[in-house]
N, C-alpha and C. Protein backbone atom coordinates (compact mmCIF):
# COMPACT_ATOMS: atom_id res chain seq x y z
N MET A 1 12.05 -10.27 -30.85
CA MET A 1 11.04 -10.84 -30.03
C MET A 1 11.55 -11.07 -28.60
N LEU A 2 12.79 -11.52 -28.49
CA LEU A 2 13.37 -11.79 -27.18
C LEU A 2 13.48 -10.51 -26.36
N GLY A 3 13.87 -9.41 -26.98
CA GLY A 3 13.99 -8.14 -26.27
C GLY A 3 12.65 -7.66 -25.74
N HIS A 4 11.58 -7.91 -26.52
CA HIS A 4 10.24 -7.52 -26.09
C HIS A 4 9.82 -8.28 -24.84
N ASP A 5 10.14 -9.58 -24.77
CA ASP A 5 9.82 -10.39 -23.59
C ASP A 5 10.57 -9.89 -22.36
N ARG A 6 11.82 -9.52 -22.53
CA ARG A 6 12.60 -9.00 -21.40
C ARG A 6 12.01 -7.70 -20.88
N SER A 7 11.58 -6.84 -21.81
CA SER A 7 11.00 -5.56 -21.44
C SER A 7 9.71 -5.77 -20.64
N ARG A 8 8.86 -6.68 -21.07
CA ARG A 8 7.62 -6.97 -20.35
C ARG A 8 7.90 -7.53 -18.96
N ARG A 9 8.90 -8.41 -18.86
CA ARG A 9 9.25 -9.00 -17.57
C ARG A 9 9.77 -7.92 -16.63
N ARG A 10 10.59 -7.01 -17.14
CA ARG A 10 11.14 -5.92 -16.33
C ARG A 10 10.00 -5.01 -15.85
N ASP A 11 9.02 -4.70 -16.73
CA ASP A 11 7.89 -3.87 -16.34
C ASP A 11 7.06 -4.56 -15.27
N ARG A 12 6.86 -5.86 -15.39
CA ARG A 12 6.07 -6.60 -14.42
C ARG A 12 6.78 -6.59 -13.06
N LEU A 13 8.10 -6.76 -13.04
CA LEU A 13 8.85 -6.75 -11.79
C LEU A 13 8.83 -5.36 -11.17
N ARG A 14 8.87 -4.34 -11.99
CA ARG A 14 8.90 -2.97 -11.50
C ARG A 14 7.59 -2.60 -10.82
N SER A 15 6.48 -3.21 -11.23
CA SER A 15 5.20 -2.83 -10.68
C SER A 15 4.77 -3.68 -9.49
N VAL A 16 5.65 -4.53 -8.98
CA VAL A 16 5.33 -5.35 -7.81
C VAL A 16 5.36 -4.44 -6.58
N PRO A 17 4.25 -4.36 -5.84
CA PRO A 17 4.23 -3.50 -4.65
C PRO A 17 5.21 -3.97 -3.58
N THR A 18 5.78 -3.01 -2.88
CA THR A 18 6.69 -3.28 -1.77
C THR A 18 6.36 -2.29 -0.67
N SER A 19 6.83 -2.53 0.52
CA SER A 19 6.54 -1.60 1.61
C SER A 19 7.46 -0.38 1.53
N LEU A 20 6.95 0.73 2.00
CA LEU A 20 7.67 2.01 1.92
C LEU A 20 9.01 1.95 2.66
N ASP A 21 9.09 1.18 3.73
CA ASP A 21 10.34 1.14 4.50
C ASP A 21 11.48 0.46 3.75
N SER A 22 11.19 -0.24 2.66
CA SER A 22 12.25 -0.91 1.89
C SER A 22 12.70 -0.12 0.66
N VAL A 23 12.15 1.06 0.46
CA VAL A 23 12.50 1.90 -0.69
C VAL A 23 13.67 2.80 -0.31
N GLY A 24 14.65 2.88 -1.19
CA GLY A 24 15.80 3.73 -0.94
C GLY A 24 15.47 5.21 -1.05
N PRO A 25 16.34 6.06 -0.51
CA PRO A 25 16.11 7.49 -0.56
C PRO A 25 16.20 8.03 -1.99
N ASN A 26 15.56 9.16 -2.19
CA ASN A 26 15.52 9.86 -3.48
C ASN A 26 14.83 9.04 -4.58
N ARG A 27 13.88 8.20 -4.19
CA ARG A 27 13.11 7.41 -5.16
C ARG A 27 11.69 7.96 -5.22
N ARG A 28 11.15 8.01 -6.40
CA ARG A 28 9.76 8.45 -6.60
C ARG A 28 8.90 7.20 -6.73
N VAL A 29 7.88 7.10 -5.91
CA VAL A 29 7.02 5.92 -5.89
C VAL A 29 5.55 6.34 -5.87
N ARG A 30 4.70 5.38 -6.21
CA ARG A 30 3.25 5.58 -6.18
C ARG A 30 2.67 4.75 -5.04
N VAL A 31 1.83 5.35 -4.23
CA VAL A 31 1.18 4.63 -3.14
C VAL A 31 0.14 3.68 -3.74
N VAL A 32 0.22 2.42 -3.34
CA VAL A 32 -0.72 1.39 -3.82
C VAL A 32 -1.81 1.15 -2.79
N GLY A 33 -1.46 1.18 -1.52
CA GLY A 33 -2.44 0.95 -0.47
C GLY A 33 -1.81 1.02 0.90
N VAL A 34 -2.65 0.92 1.90
CA VAL A 34 -2.20 0.93 3.29
C VAL A 34 -2.78 -0.30 3.98
N ARG A 35 -1.91 -1.09 4.57
CA ARG A 35 -2.34 -2.27 5.33
C ARG A 35 -2.45 -1.88 6.79
N GLY A 36 -3.30 -2.54 7.50
CA GLY A 36 -3.42 -2.27 8.93
C GLY A 36 -4.82 -1.85 9.30
N ARG A 37 -4.92 -1.26 10.45
CA ARG A 37 -6.22 -0.85 10.98
C ARG A 37 -6.79 0.32 10.19
N PRO A 38 -8.12 0.39 10.11
CA PRO A 38 -8.77 1.50 9.39
C PRO A 38 -8.36 2.88 9.91
N LEU A 39 -8.12 2.99 11.21
CA LEU A 39 -7.71 4.28 11.76
C LEU A 39 -6.42 4.77 11.13
N LEU A 40 -5.47 3.86 10.89
CA LEU A 40 -4.21 4.23 10.25
C LEU A 40 -4.46 4.72 8.83
N SER A 41 -5.27 4.00 8.08
CA SER A 41 -5.61 4.41 6.71
C SER A 41 -6.25 5.80 6.70
N HIS A 42 -7.14 6.05 7.64
CA HIS A 42 -7.82 7.35 7.69
C HIS A 42 -6.86 8.47 8.05
N ARG A 43 -5.96 8.20 8.99
CA ARG A 43 -4.98 9.24 9.37
C ARG A 43 -4.06 9.58 8.21
N LEU A 44 -3.58 8.54 7.51
CA LEU A 44 -2.69 8.79 6.37
C LEU A 44 -3.44 9.47 5.23
N ALA A 45 -4.70 9.11 5.03
CA ALA A 45 -5.52 9.76 3.99
C ALA A 45 -5.69 11.24 4.30
N ALA A 46 -5.85 11.57 5.58
CA ALA A 46 -5.97 12.98 5.98
C ALA A 46 -4.70 13.77 5.66
N LEU A 47 -3.57 13.07 5.63
CA LEU A 47 -2.30 13.71 5.28
C LEU A 47 -2.05 13.73 3.77
N GLY A 48 -2.91 13.04 3.01
CA GLY A 48 -2.77 13.00 1.56
C GLY A 48 -2.15 11.72 1.03
N LEU A 49 -1.80 10.78 1.91
CA LEU A 49 -1.21 9.51 1.47
C LEU A 49 -2.33 8.53 1.14
N VAL A 50 -2.79 8.60 -0.09
CA VAL A 50 -3.88 7.75 -0.56
C VAL A 50 -3.41 6.98 -1.80
N PRO A 51 -4.04 5.87 -2.11
CA PRO A 51 -3.64 5.11 -3.32
C PRO A 51 -3.65 5.99 -4.57
N GLY A 52 -2.58 5.85 -5.34
CA GLY A 52 -2.44 6.59 -6.60
C GLY A 52 -1.56 7.82 -6.51
N VAL A 53 -1.35 8.34 -5.31
CA VAL A 53 -0.56 9.57 -5.17
C VAL A 53 0.93 9.25 -5.33
N LEU A 54 1.65 10.18 -5.96
CA LEU A 54 3.10 10.05 -6.12
C LEU A 54 3.81 10.74 -4.97
N ILE A 55 4.79 10.05 -4.40
CA ILE A 55 5.58 10.63 -3.31
C ILE A 55 7.05 10.39 -3.61
N THR A 56 7.89 11.19 -2.98
CA THR A 56 9.33 11.01 -3.07
C THR A 56 9.85 10.63 -1.69
N VAL A 57 10.60 9.54 -1.62
CA VAL A 57 11.19 9.11 -0.36
C VAL A 57 12.46 9.93 -0.15
N LEU A 58 12.47 10.75 0.88
CA LEU A 58 13.64 11.56 1.18
C LEU A 58 14.60 10.84 2.10
N ARG A 59 14.03 10.06 3.02
CA ARG A 59 14.85 9.29 3.96
C ARG A 59 14.06 8.05 4.34
N ASN A 60 14.74 6.90 4.38
CA ASN A 60 14.03 5.66 4.73
C ASN A 60 14.42 5.13 6.10
N ARG A 61 15.29 5.82 6.80
CA ARG A 61 15.63 5.43 8.18
C ARG A 61 14.55 5.95 9.11
N HIS A 62 14.61 5.51 10.37
CA HIS A 62 13.61 5.95 11.34
C HIS A 62 13.87 7.39 11.75
N PRO A 63 12.95 8.31 11.64
CA PRO A 63 11.68 8.15 10.96
C PRO A 63 11.87 8.31 9.45
N ALA A 64 11.03 7.62 8.69
CA ALA A 64 11.03 7.79 7.23
C ALA A 64 10.44 9.17 6.93
N ILE A 65 11.00 9.84 5.95
CA ILE A 65 10.48 11.15 5.55
C ILE A 65 10.15 11.08 4.07
N VAL A 66 8.91 11.44 3.74
CA VAL A 66 8.47 11.45 2.35
C VAL A 66 8.00 12.85 2.00
N SER A 67 8.08 13.15 0.73
CA SER A 67 7.63 14.44 0.22
C SER A 67 6.40 14.20 -0.65
N LEU A 68 5.37 14.95 -0.36
CA LEU A 68 4.13 14.89 -1.12
C LEU A 68 3.86 16.31 -1.60
N GLY A 69 4.31 16.61 -2.81
CA GLY A 69 4.24 17.99 -3.28
C GLY A 69 5.22 18.84 -2.48
N THR A 70 4.70 19.88 -1.83
CA THR A 70 5.56 20.75 -1.01
C THR A 70 5.54 20.36 0.46
N VAL A 71 4.81 19.30 0.79
CA VAL A 71 4.67 18.87 2.18
C VAL A 71 5.62 17.71 2.46
N ARG A 72 6.25 17.76 3.63
CA ARG A 72 7.09 16.64 4.07
C ARG A 72 6.41 15.96 5.25
N ILE A 73 6.39 14.63 5.21
CA ILE A 73 5.71 13.86 6.25
C ILE A 73 6.70 12.86 6.84
N ALA A 74 6.80 12.84 8.17
CA ALA A 74 7.64 11.87 8.87
C ALA A 74 6.76 10.71 9.32
N LEU A 75 7.23 9.50 9.05
CA LEU A 75 6.49 8.29 9.40
C LEU A 75 7.35 7.37 10.24
N SER A 76 6.77 6.81 11.27
CA SER A 76 7.51 5.84 12.08
C SER A 76 7.81 4.61 11.23
N GLU A 77 8.74 3.81 11.69
CA GLU A 77 9.12 2.59 10.96
C GLU A 77 7.93 1.65 10.80
N SER A 78 7.13 1.51 11.85
CA SER A 78 5.99 0.59 11.78
C SER A 78 4.92 1.09 10.81
N VAL A 79 4.73 2.39 10.72
CA VAL A 79 3.76 2.95 9.77
C VAL A 79 4.30 2.81 8.34
N ALA A 80 5.58 3.11 8.12
CA ALA A 80 6.17 2.98 6.79
C ALA A 80 6.08 1.55 6.29
N ARG A 81 6.14 0.60 7.20
CA ARG A 81 6.03 -0.81 6.84
C ARG A 81 4.62 -1.16 6.33
N CYS A 82 3.62 -0.40 6.73
CA CYS A 82 2.22 -0.65 6.35
C CYS A 82 1.82 0.00 5.03
N VAL A 83 2.66 0.88 4.49
CA VAL A 83 2.33 1.60 3.25
C VAL A 83 2.95 0.84 2.08
N ASP A 84 2.10 0.34 1.18
CA ASP A 84 2.57 -0.37 0.00
C ASP A 84 2.73 0.60 -1.15
N VAL A 85 3.86 0.51 -1.85
CA VAL A 85 4.16 1.40 -2.96
C VAL A 85 4.71 0.61 -4.13
N GLU A 86 4.72 1.26 -5.30
CA GLU A 86 5.35 0.69 -6.48
C GLU A 86 6.17 1.78 -7.15
N ASP A 87 7.14 1.37 -7.93
CA ASP A 87 8.03 2.31 -8.61
C ASP A 87 7.22 3.18 -9.56
N ALA A 88 7.45 4.47 -9.54
CA ALA A 88 6.70 5.39 -10.39
C ALA A 88 7.39 5.64 -11.73
N ASP A 89 8.63 5.24 -11.86
CA ASP A 89 9.38 5.50 -13.10
C ASP A 89 9.15 4.46 -14.15
């Protein structure tokens, strides 16, 4: 019973959204949402960064580089800070 509680707690912690700029390189994450002005959300949506999509963080320094399928997208530090993600594993 104790092991089951630990597993649930670990799953709950794993699914807490964090900003993209705080994710280490070579991590696979799921986009949860975009904070900020609607124009930013629309621009990122046009690039394919929408809630639910899986991306791989290739680099988290300025500029952050993420991979979305075969496409690589460079994001400024301020934009990466506005993208909320959760661990996909």
